[in-house]
């Protein structure tokens, strides 16, 4: 797929990533002494399934890596509980990581059975008993936005040969797979 066309197709997703990253920077600034997640912390890095729009973005980033890094990632594809993008406890595609990876560990709020709940990594925010509203990700809203962006992305294809969710092991090779067809 032409990289310029792919960039246009991924624009809404990239815009959402920028909004998520801006929110994270604000939380990091306001709670800098309460966040212990740093480079090398990989407790939450697991094998994931992604929306097609996220899979395409990750595939494009993977194809932009040098061959040595690609081979290191491919050697980790067999481990089903660990993200293959982790090399020496660090994400080799950190800048292209999906939304779930960007938001993990930060305070999320969501409704479950009519009750509003807040969740975050137990390693972070020790001693914090409440958050201001602007520090929280609205998980339901974020998921709705991502689903809408994914739907719009899929509508740009004549046919939709993609599963609803794509394992990260397949996502990395998605653009190659499309080129072969």
N, C-alpha and C. Protein backbone atom coordinates (compact mmCIF):
# COMPACT_ATOMS: atom_id res chain seq x y z
N UNK A 1 0.86 -1.18 0.00
CA UNK A 1 0.00 0.00 0.00
C UNK A 1 0.90 1.23 0.00
N UNK A 2 0.53 2.19 -0.80
CA UNK A 2 1.27 3.44 -0.90
C UNK A 2 1.31 4.12 0.47
N UNK A 3 2.51 4.46 0.97
CA UNK A 3 2.61 5.08 2.30
C UNK A 3 1.82 6.38 2.44
N UNK A 4 1.70 7.16 1.37
CA UNK A 4 0.93 8.41 1.44
C UNK A 4 -0.55 8.12 1.62
N UNK A 5 -1.04 7.11 0.92
CA UNK A 5 -2.45 6.72 1.07
C UNK A 5 -2.70 6.19 2.47
N UNK A 6 -1.78 5.34 2.95
CA UNK A 6 -1.93 4.80 4.30
C UNK A 6 -1.93 5.93 5.33
N UNK A 7 -1.06 6.90 5.17
CA UNK A 7 -1.02 8.03 6.10
C UNK A 7 -2.35 8.77 6.12
N UNK A 8 -2.96 8.95 4.97
CA UNK A 8 -4.28 9.60 4.92
C UNK A 8 -5.34 8.75 5.61
N UNK A 9 -5.29 7.45 5.38
CA UNK A 9 -6.26 6.55 6.00
C UNK A 9 -6.10 6.51 7.53
N UNK A 10 -4.89 6.72 8.00
CA UNK A 10 -4.61 6.65 9.44
C UNK A 10 -4.68 8.00 10.14
N UNK A 11 -5.03 9.06 9.42
CA UNK A 11 -5.02 10.41 10.00
C UNK A 11 -5.88 10.53 11.25
N UNK A 12 -7.11 10.04 11.21
CA UNK A 12 -7.98 10.14 12.39
C UNK A 12 -7.40 9.37 13.57
N UNK A 13 -6.83 8.21 13.29
CA UNK A 13 -6.19 7.42 14.35
C UNK A 13 -4.99 8.18 14.92
N UNK A 14 -4.17 8.74 14.05
CA UNK A 14 -3.02 9.52 14.52
C UNK A 14 -3.46 10.72 15.35
N UNK A 15 -4.55 11.37 14.94
CA UNK A 15 -5.07 12.49 15.72
C UNK A 15 -5.52 12.04 17.10
N UNK A 16 -6.15 10.87 17.18
CA UNK A 16 -6.56 10.34 18.48
C UNK A 16 -5.33 10.03 19.34
N UNK A 17 -4.30 9.46 18.74
CA UNK A 17 -3.07 9.18 19.50
C UNK A 17 -2.48 10.46 20.07
N UNK A 18 -2.51 11.53 19.29
CA UNK A 18 -1.99 12.82 19.78
C UNK A 18 -2.79 13.32 20.97
N UNK A 19 -4.11 13.14 20.92
CA UNK A 19 -4.96 13.56 22.04
C UNK A 19 -4.68 12.72 23.29
N UNK A 20 -4.52 11.42 23.09
CA UNK A 20 -4.21 10.53 24.21
C UNK A 20 -2.85 10.90 24.81
N UNK A 21 -1.86 11.11 23.95
CA UNK A 21 -0.52 11.46 24.43
C UNK A 21 -0.51 12.80 25.17
N UNK A 22 -1.30 13.76 24.69
CA UNK A 22 -1.38 15.07 25.38
C UNK A 22 -1.99 14.89 26.77
N UNK A 23 -3.01 14.06 26.87
CA UNK A 23 -3.63 13.79 28.17
C UNK A 23 -2.60 13.14 29.11
N UNK A 24 -1.87 12.16 28.59
CA UNK A 24 -0.87 11.47 29.40
C UNK A 24 0.19 12.45 29.90
N UNK A 25 0.65 13.34 29.04
CA UNK A 25 1.66 14.33 29.47
C UNK A 25 1.14 15.20 30.60
N UNK A 26 -0.14 15.56 30.52
CA UNK A 26 -0.73 16.39 31.57
C UNK A 26 -0.79 15.61 32.90
N UNK A 27 -1.19 14.35 32.82
CA UNK A 27 -1.24 13.51 34.03
C UNK A 27 0.16 13.32 34.59
N UNK A 28 1.12 13.06 33.71
CA UNK A 28 2.50 12.89 34.16
C UNK A 28 3.04 14.14 34.85
N UNK A 29 2.67 15.30 34.33
CA UNK A 29 3.12 16.56 34.92
C UNK A 29 2.50 16.74 36.31
N UNK A 30 1.20 16.47 36.42
CA UNK A 30 0.49 16.69 37.68
C UNK A 30 0.74 15.62 38.74
N UNK A 31 1.16 14.45 38.32
CA UNK A 31 1.37 13.34 39.25
C UNK A 31 2.78 12.75 39.09
N UNK A 32 3.74 13.55 38.72
CA UNK A 32 5.08 13.06 38.40
C UNK A 32 5.70 12.23 39.52
N UNK A 33 5.42 12.58 40.75
CA UNK A 33 6.00 11.84 41.87
C UNK A 33 5.21 10.58 42.22
N UNK A 34 4.11 10.31 41.52
CA UNK A 34 3.26 9.16 41.82
C UNK A 34 3.30 8.10 40.72
N UNK A 35 4.03 8.35 39.65
CA UNK A 35 4.09 7.40 38.53
C UNK A 35 5.43 6.69 38.55
N UNK A 36 5.39 5.39 38.74
CA UNK A 36 6.63 4.62 38.79
C UNK A 36 6.92 3.91 37.47
N UNK A 37 5.95 3.83 36.58
CA UNK A 37 6.19 3.22 35.27
C UNK A 37 7.24 4.04 34.53
N UNK A 38 8.28 3.40 34.15
CA UNK A 38 9.38 4.04 33.42
C UNK A 38 9.88 3.05 32.37
N UNK A 39 10.80 3.49 31.56
CA UNK A 39 11.40 2.63 30.55
C UNK A 39 11.93 1.37 31.23
N UNK A 40 11.53 0.23 30.70
CA UNK A 40 11.94 -1.04 31.28
C UNK A 40 10.86 -1.70 32.12
N UNK A 41 9.86 -0.94 32.53
CA UNK A 41 8.73 -1.53 33.26
C UNK A 41 7.82 -2.18 32.22
N UNK A 42 7.71 -3.49 32.26
CA UNK A 42 6.96 -4.21 31.23
C UNK A 42 5.91 -5.16 31.81
N UNK A 43 5.52 -4.93 33.05
CA UNK A 43 4.56 -5.81 33.71
C UNK A 43 3.26 -5.95 32.93
N UNK A 44 2.82 -4.87 32.28
CA UNK A 44 1.53 -4.89 31.58
C UNK A 44 1.66 -5.30 30.12
N UNK A 45 2.85 -5.52 29.63
CA UNK A 45 3.07 -5.79 28.20
C UNK A 45 2.76 -7.25 27.89
N UNK A 46 1.60 -7.46 27.33
CA UNK A 46 1.13 -8.80 27.00
C UNK A 46 0.81 -8.90 25.53
N UNK A 47 0.61 -10.11 25.08
CA UNK A 47 0.20 -10.36 23.70
C UNK A 47 -1.21 -9.82 23.53
N UNK A 48 -1.42 -8.97 22.53
CA UNK A 48 -2.71 -8.28 22.35
C UNK A 48 -3.34 -8.59 21.01
N UNK A 49 -4.64 -8.32 20.95
CA UNK A 49 -5.38 -8.30 19.70
C UNK A 49 -5.79 -6.86 19.47
N UNK A 50 -5.69 -6.41 18.22
CA UNK A 50 -5.89 -5.00 17.90
C UNK A 50 -7.01 -4.80 16.89
N UNK A 51 -7.60 -3.60 16.91
CA UNK A 51 -8.50 -3.20 15.82
C UNK A 51 -7.66 -3.14 14.54
N UNK A 52 -8.26 -3.37 13.38
CA UNK A 52 -7.50 -3.27 12.13
C UNK A 52 -6.77 -1.95 11.95
N UNK A 53 -7.38 -0.82 12.31
CA UNK A 53 -6.70 0.46 12.14
C UNK A 53 -5.40 0.50 12.95
N UNK A 54 -5.42 -0.06 14.14
CA UNK A 54 -4.21 -0.10 14.97
C UNK A 54 -3.20 -1.08 14.37
N UNK A 55 -3.71 -2.19 13.85
CA UNK A 55 -2.84 -3.20 13.24
C UNK A 55 -2.10 -2.62 12.04
N UNK A 56 -2.79 -1.85 11.21
CA UNK A 56 -2.14 -1.24 10.05
C UNK A 56 -1.07 -0.25 10.49
N UNK A 57 -1.37 0.55 11.48
CA UNK A 57 -0.39 1.53 11.98
C UNK A 57 0.84 0.82 12.53
N UNK A 58 0.62 -0.26 13.26
CA UNK A 58 1.74 -1.01 13.83
C UNK A 58 2.54 -1.70 12.72
N UNK A 59 1.85 -2.23 11.72
CA UNK A 59 2.52 -2.87 10.60
C UNK A 59 3.42 -1.89 9.85
N UNK A 60 2.92 -0.69 9.63
CA UNK A 60 3.71 0.33 8.94
C UNK A 60 4.97 0.66 9.74
N UNK A 61 4.83 0.78 11.04
CA UNK A 61 5.99 1.07 11.89
C UNK A 61 6.97 -0.10 11.89
N UNK A 62 6.45 -1.32 11.93
CA UNK A 62 7.30 -2.51 11.93
C UNK A 62 8.11 -2.58 10.63
N UNK A 63 7.46 -2.31 9.50
CA UNK A 63 8.16 -2.37 8.22
C UNK A 63 9.23 -1.29 8.11
N UNK A 64 9.12 -0.24 8.91
CA UNK A 64 10.12 0.83 8.91
C UNK A 64 11.33 0.53 9.78
N UNK A 65 11.27 -0.57 10.51
CA UNK A 65 12.39 -0.95 11.38
C UNK A 65 13.52 -1.58 10.55
N UNK A 66 14.72 -1.55 11.10
CA UNK A 66 15.81 -2.23 10.40
C UNK A 66 15.64 -3.75 10.53
N UNK A 67 16.29 -4.49 9.64
CA UNK A 67 16.13 -5.95 9.57
C UNK A 67 16.53 -6.64 10.87
N UNK A 68 17.54 -6.14 11.52
CA UNK A 68 18.01 -6.76 12.77
C UNK A 68 16.92 -6.69 13.84
N UNK A 69 16.28 -5.53 13.99
CA UNK A 69 15.19 -5.39 14.97
C UNK A 69 14.00 -6.25 14.58
N UNK A 70 13.69 -6.29 13.29
CA UNK A 70 12.58 -7.12 12.83
C UNK A 70 12.83 -8.59 13.19
N UNK A 71 14.05 -9.06 12.99
CA UNK A 71 14.39 -10.45 13.30
C UNK A 71 14.26 -10.71 14.80
N UNK A 72 14.68 -9.76 15.62
CA UNK A 72 14.55 -9.92 17.07
C UNK A 72 13.09 -10.04 17.47
N UNK A 73 12.24 -9.22 16.86
CA UNK A 73 10.80 -9.27 17.14
C UNK A 73 10.25 -10.62 16.69
N UNK A 74 10.60 -11.05 15.50
CA UNK A 74 10.07 -12.31 14.96
C UNK A 74 10.47 -13.51 15.82
N UNK A 75 11.63 -13.43 16.45
CA UNK A 75 12.06 -14.54 17.31
C UNK A 75 11.20 -14.64 18.57
N UNK A 76 10.51 -13.57 18.93
CA UNK A 76 9.66 -13.60 20.12
C UNK A 76 8.19 -13.86 19.82
N UNK A 77 7.85 -14.13 18.57
CA UNK A 77 6.45 -14.32 18.21
C UNK A 77 5.82 -15.58 18.79
N UNK A 78 6.63 -16.54 19.15
CA UNK A 78 6.10 -17.82 19.67
C UNK A 78 5.58 -17.71 21.10
N UNK A 79 6.09 -16.74 21.85
CA UNK A 79 5.64 -16.58 23.23
C UNK A 79 4.26 -15.94 23.23
N UNK A 80 3.27 -16.66 23.70
CA UNK A 80 1.88 -16.21 23.60
C UNK A 80 1.46 -15.25 24.72
N UNK A 81 2.18 -15.21 25.82
CA UNK A 81 1.78 -14.34 26.93
C UNK A 81 2.55 -13.03 26.97
N UNK A 82 3.55 -12.91 26.15
CA UNK A 82 4.43 -11.74 26.18
C UNK A 82 4.36 -11.04 24.84
N UNK A 83 4.38 -9.73 24.87
CA UNK A 83 4.36 -8.96 23.63
C UNK A 83 5.67 -9.18 22.87
N UNK A 84 5.59 -9.53 21.59
CA UNK A 84 6.82 -9.76 20.83
C UNK A 84 7.64 -8.49 20.58
N UNK A 85 7.05 -7.34 20.85
CA UNK A 85 7.77 -6.08 20.64
C UNK A 85 8.69 -5.74 21.80
N UNK A 86 8.65 -6.56 22.84
CA UNK A 86 9.55 -6.34 23.98
C UNK A 86 10.90 -6.98 23.72
N UNK A 87 11.91 -6.16 23.64
CA UNK A 87 13.28 -6.65 23.49
C UNK A 87 14.06 -6.03 24.65
N UNK A 88 14.64 -6.87 25.47
CA UNK A 88 15.36 -6.41 26.66
C UNK A 88 14.47 -5.51 27.53
N UNK A 89 13.24 -5.93 27.73
CA UNK A 89 12.26 -5.26 28.59
C UNK A 89 11.87 -3.86 28.08
N UNK A 90 12.07 -3.60 26.80
CA UNK A 90 11.68 -2.31 26.24
C UNK A 90 10.94 -2.54 24.92
N UNK A 91 9.92 -1.72 24.69
CA UNK A 91 9.14 -1.80 23.47
C UNK A 91 9.95 -1.18 22.32
N UNK A 92 10.18 -1.98 21.28
CA UNK A 92 10.97 -1.48 20.16
C UNK A 92 10.14 -0.61 19.22
N UNK A 93 8.83 -0.61 19.39
CA UNK A 93 7.95 0.27 18.61
C UNK A 93 7.14 1.17 19.54
N UNK A 94 7.80 1.68 20.56
CA UNK A 94 7.14 2.47 21.59
C UNK A 94 6.35 3.64 21.00
N UNK A 95 6.90 4.34 20.04
CA UNK A 95 6.21 5.50 19.45
C UNK A 95 4.97 5.08 18.67
N UNK A 96 4.90 3.83 18.24
CA UNK A 96 3.76 3.35 17.45
C UNK A 96 2.84 2.44 18.27
N UNK A 97 3.05 2.37 19.56
CA UNK A 97 2.27 1.44 20.38
C UNK A 97 0.77 1.77 20.32
N UNK A 98 -0.07 0.74 20.44
CA UNK A 98 -1.52 0.94 20.38
C UNK A 98 -2.04 1.72 21.59
N UNK A 99 -3.28 2.12 21.51
CA UNK A 99 -3.88 2.93 22.57
C UNK A 99 -3.90 2.22 23.91
N UNK A 100 -4.21 0.93 23.93
CA UNK A 100 -4.25 0.22 25.22
C UNK A 100 -2.88 0.29 25.90
N UNK A 101 -1.82 0.24 25.13
CA UNK A 101 -0.48 0.32 25.70
C UNK A 101 -0.17 1.74 26.20
N UNK A 102 -0.69 2.73 25.52
CA UNK A 102 -0.47 4.12 25.92
C UNK A 102 -1.21 4.45 27.21
N UNK A 103 -2.38 3.89 27.39
CA UNK A 103 -3.21 4.26 28.54
C UNK A 103 -3.02 3.35 29.74
N UNK A 104 -2.43 2.20 29.54
CA UNK A 104 -2.30 1.26 30.66
C UNK A 104 -1.49 1.89 31.79
N UNK A 105 -2.00 1.75 32.99
CA UNK A 105 -1.32 2.27 34.16
C UNK A 105 -1.83 3.62 34.60
N UNK A 106 -2.45 4.35 33.68
CA UNK A 106 -2.99 5.67 33.99
C UNK A 106 -4.43 5.53 34.47
N UNK A 107 -4.93 6.51 35.21
CA UNK A 107 -6.28 6.39 35.76
C UNK A 107 -7.36 6.42 34.68
N UNK A 108 -8.17 5.36 34.69
CA UNK A 108 -9.29 5.21 33.78
C UNK A 108 -10.57 5.17 34.60
N UNK A 109 -11.63 5.75 34.08
CA UNK A 109 -12.91 5.53 34.74
C UNK A 109 -13.88 4.95 33.73
N UNK A 110 -14.76 4.13 34.25
CA UNK A 110 -15.73 3.43 33.41
C UNK A 110 -16.91 3.02 34.28
N UNK A 111 -17.99 2.69 33.64
CA UNK A 111 -19.17 2.23 34.36
C UNK A 111 -19.29 0.72 34.22
N UNK A 112 -19.61 0.09 35.33
CA UNK A 112 -19.84 -1.35 35.34
C UNK A 112 -21.04 -1.60 36.24
N UNK A 113 -22.06 -2.17 35.65
CA UNK A 113 -23.31 -2.42 36.38
C UNK A 113 -23.85 -1.14 37.02
N UNK A 114 -23.73 -0.04 36.30
CA UNK A 114 -24.25 1.24 36.78
C UNK A 114 -23.35 1.96 37.77
N UNK A 115 -22.30 1.32 38.18
CA UNK A 115 -21.37 1.93 39.16
C UNK A 115 -20.16 2.50 38.42
N UNK A 116 -19.73 3.69 38.83
CA UNK A 116 -18.54 4.31 38.24
C UNK A 116 -17.31 3.78 38.99
N UNK A 117 -16.38 3.24 38.22
CA UNK A 117 -15.17 2.68 38.79
C UNK A 117 -13.95 3.40 38.23
N UNK A 118 -12.89 3.44 39.01
CA UNK A 118 -11.61 4.00 38.58
C UNK A 118 -10.57 2.89 38.72
N UNK A 119 -9.73 2.77 37.69
CA UNK A 119 -8.70 1.74 37.70
C UNK A 119 -7.39 2.35 37.23
N UNK A 120 -6.29 1.83 37.75
CA UNK A 120 -4.94 2.24 37.33
C UNK A 120 -3.98 1.18 37.81
N UNK A 121 -2.76 1.21 37.32
CA UNK A 121 -1.76 0.23 37.72
C UNK A 121 -1.51 0.37 39.22
N UNK A 122 -1.53 -0.75 39.94
CA UNK A 122 -1.31 -0.68 41.40
C UNK A 122 0.09 -0.20 41.79
N UNK A 123 1.02 -0.20 40.84
CA UNK A 123 2.36 0.32 41.14
C UNK A 123 2.38 1.84 41.12
N UNK A 124 1.42 2.43 40.42
CA UNK A 124 1.34 3.89 40.30
C UNK A 124 0.37 4.47 41.32
N UNK A 125 0.49 5.74 41.55
CA UNK A 125 -0.46 6.55 42.31
C UNK A 125 -0.67 6.05 43.74
N UNK A 126 0.40 5.54 44.34
CA UNK A 126 0.31 5.10 45.74
C UNK A 126 -0.01 6.31 46.60
N UNK A 127 -0.99 6.15 47.47
CA UNK A 127 -1.39 7.22 48.37
C UNK A 127 -2.41 8.17 47.78
N UNK A 128 -2.71 8.05 46.49
CA UNK A 128 -3.72 8.91 45.86
C UNK A 128 -5.09 8.31 46.15
N UNK A 129 -5.95 9.09 46.79
CA UNK A 129 -7.28 8.59 47.15
C UNK A 129 -8.37 9.04 46.19
N UNK A 130 -8.08 10.07 45.41
CA UNK A 130 -9.04 10.51 44.39
C UNK A 130 -8.29 11.30 43.32
N UNK A 131 -8.93 11.41 42.17
CA UNK A 131 -8.36 12.13 41.03
C UNK A 131 -9.32 13.23 40.62
N UNK A 132 -8.75 14.30 40.08
CA UNK A 132 -9.60 15.31 39.47
C UNK A 132 -10.14 14.71 38.18
N UNK A 133 -11.29 15.17 37.74
CA UNK A 133 -11.93 14.62 36.55
C UNK A 133 -11.01 14.69 35.33
N UNK A 134 -10.25 15.77 35.20
CA UNK A 134 -9.40 15.92 34.02
C UNK A 134 -8.17 15.00 34.03
N UNK A 135 -7.94 14.28 35.12
CA UNK A 135 -6.84 13.32 35.18
C UNK A 135 -7.26 11.93 34.71
N UNK A 136 -8.56 11.74 34.54
CA UNK A 136 -9.08 10.42 34.20
C UNK A 136 -9.35 10.26 32.71
N UNK A 137 -9.02 9.10 32.19
CA UNK A 137 -9.46 8.72 30.85
C UNK A 137 -10.86 8.16 30.99
N UNK A 138 -11.77 8.61 30.17
CA UNK A 138 -13.10 8.01 30.10
C UNK A 138 -12.97 6.82 29.16
N UNK A 139 -12.86 5.63 29.73
CA UNK A 139 -12.59 4.43 28.95
C UNK A 139 -13.70 4.14 27.95
N UNK A 140 -14.95 4.34 28.35
CA UNK A 140 -16.06 4.09 27.42
C UNK A 140 -15.98 5.05 26.23
N UNK A 141 -15.72 6.31 26.49
CA UNK A 141 -15.61 7.30 25.41
C UNK A 141 -14.42 7.00 24.50
N UNK A 142 -13.30 6.64 25.10
CA UNK A 142 -12.11 6.31 24.32
C UNK A 142 -12.39 5.11 23.41
N UNK A 143 -13.04 4.10 23.95
CA UNK A 143 -13.37 2.92 23.16
C UNK A 143 -14.35 3.25 22.03
N UNK A 144 -15.31 4.12 22.29
CA UNK A 144 -16.26 4.52 21.25
C UNK A 144 -15.54 5.28 20.13
N UNK A 145 -14.65 6.19 20.49
CA UNK A 145 -13.88 6.92 19.49
C UNK A 145 -13.02 5.99 18.65
N UNK A 146 -12.33 5.07 19.31
CA UNK A 146 -11.48 4.13 18.59
C UNK A 146 -12.31 3.24 17.67
N UNK A 147 -13.46 2.78 18.14
CA UNK A 147 -14.33 1.94 17.30
C UNK A 147 -14.84 2.72 16.09
N UNK A 148 -15.20 3.99 16.28
CA UNK A 148 -15.68 4.82 15.17
C UNK A 148 -14.57 5.07 14.16
N UNK A 149 -13.36 5.33 14.63
CA UNK A 149 -12.22 5.55 13.74
C UNK A 149 -11.91 4.27 12.98
N UNK A 150 -11.98 3.14 13.66
CA UNK A 150 -11.75 1.86 13.02
C UNK A 150 -12.80 1.60 11.93
N UNK A 151 -14.06 1.90 12.24
CA UNK A 151 -15.14 1.70 11.27
C UNK A 151 -14.91 2.55 10.02
N UNK A 152 -14.57 3.80 10.23
CA UNK A 152 -14.30 4.69 9.10
C UNK A 152 -13.11 4.19 8.29
N UNK A 153 -12.08 3.73 8.97
CA UNK A 153 -10.90 3.18 8.30
C UNK A 153 -11.30 2.00 7.42
N UNK A 154 -12.09 1.09 7.97
CA UNK A 154 -12.50 -0.11 7.22
C UNK A 154 -13.39 0.23 6.03
N UNK A 155 -14.16 1.29 6.15
CA UNK A 155 -15.04 1.71 5.05
C UNK A 155 -14.25 2.21 3.85
N UNK A 156 -12.98 2.49 4.02
CA UNK A 156 -12.16 2.96 2.90
C UNK A 156 -11.73 1.81 1.99
N UNK A 157 -11.98 0.58 2.40
CA UNK A 157 -11.65 -0.59 1.59
C UNK A 157 -12.90 -1.07 0.86
N UNK A 158 -12.72 -1.54 -0.38
CA UNK A 158 -13.86 -2.03 -1.15
C UNK A 158 -14.51 -3.21 -0.46
N UNK A 159 -13.71 -4.12 0.02
CA UNK A 159 -14.20 -5.25 0.80
C UNK A 159 -13.47 -5.23 2.13
N UNK A 160 -14.04 -5.88 3.10
CA UNK A 160 -13.42 -5.91 4.42
C UNK A 160 -12.96 -7.33 4.73
N UNK A 161 -11.73 -7.65 4.35
CA UNK A 161 -11.23 -9.00 4.60
C UNK A 161 -10.61 -9.18 5.99
N UNK A 162 -10.84 -8.21 6.88
CA UNK A 162 -10.16 -8.22 8.18
C UNK A 162 -11.07 -8.73 9.29
N UNK A 163 -10.47 -9.41 10.22
CA UNK A 163 -11.19 -9.82 11.43
C UNK A 163 -11.44 -8.58 12.27
N UNK A 164 -12.40 -8.69 13.20
CA UNK A 164 -12.68 -7.57 14.10
C UNK A 164 -11.46 -7.22 14.94
N UNK A 165 -10.74 -8.24 15.33
CA UNK A 165 -9.51 -8.06 16.11
C UNK A 165 -8.41 -8.87 15.45
N UNK A 166 -7.22 -8.30 15.42
CA UNK A 166 -6.08 -8.93 14.75
C UNK A 166 -4.98 -9.14 15.78
N UNK A 167 -4.51 -10.38 15.93
CA UNK A 167 -3.42 -10.63 16.88
C UNK A 167 -2.18 -9.84 16.47
N UNK A 168 -1.45 -9.39 17.45
CA UNK A 168 -0.26 -8.58 17.18
C UNK A 168 0.72 -9.33 16.28
N UNK A 169 0.78 -10.65 16.41
CA UNK A 169 1.69 -11.44 15.59
C UNK A 169 1.33 -11.35 14.10
N UNK A 170 0.06 -11.21 13.79
CA UNK A 170 -0.37 -11.03 12.40
C UNK A 170 -0.32 -9.56 12.01
N UNK A 171 -0.61 -8.68 12.93
CA UNK A 171 -0.64 -7.24 12.66
C UNK A 171 0.69 -6.75 12.10
N UNK A 172 1.77 -7.26 12.62
CA UNK A 172 3.09 -6.81 12.18
C UNK A 172 3.32 -7.02 10.69
N UNK A 173 2.66 -8.04 10.13
CA UNK A 173 2.88 -8.42 8.73
C UNK A 173 1.69 -8.08 7.84
N UNK A 174 0.76 -7.31 8.36
CA UNK A 174 -0.49 -7.03 7.64
C UNK A 174 -0.26 -6.33 6.30
N UNK A 175 0.59 -5.35 6.26
CA UNK A 175 0.85 -4.65 4.99
C UNK A 175 1.51 -5.58 3.97
N UNK A 176 2.41 -6.42 4.41
CA UNK A 176 3.01 -7.42 3.51
C UNK A 176 1.93 -8.36 2.98
N UNK A 177 1.05 -8.76 3.87
CA UNK A 177 -0.04 -9.67 3.50
C UNK A 177 -0.93 -9.05 2.43
N UNK A 178 -1.22 -7.77 2.54
CA UNK A 178 -2.07 -7.08 1.57
C UNK A 178 -1.37 -6.94 0.23
N UNK A 179 -0.07 -6.67 0.27
CA UNK A 179 0.70 -6.52 -0.96
C UNK A 179 0.73 -7.82 -1.76
N UNK A 180 0.71 -8.95 -1.05
CA UNK A 180 0.77 -10.24 -1.71
C UNK A 180 -0.53 -10.58 -2.44
N UNK A 181 -1.64 -9.95 -2.03
CA UNK A 181 -2.94 -10.27 -2.64
C UNK A 181 -3.16 -9.56 -3.94
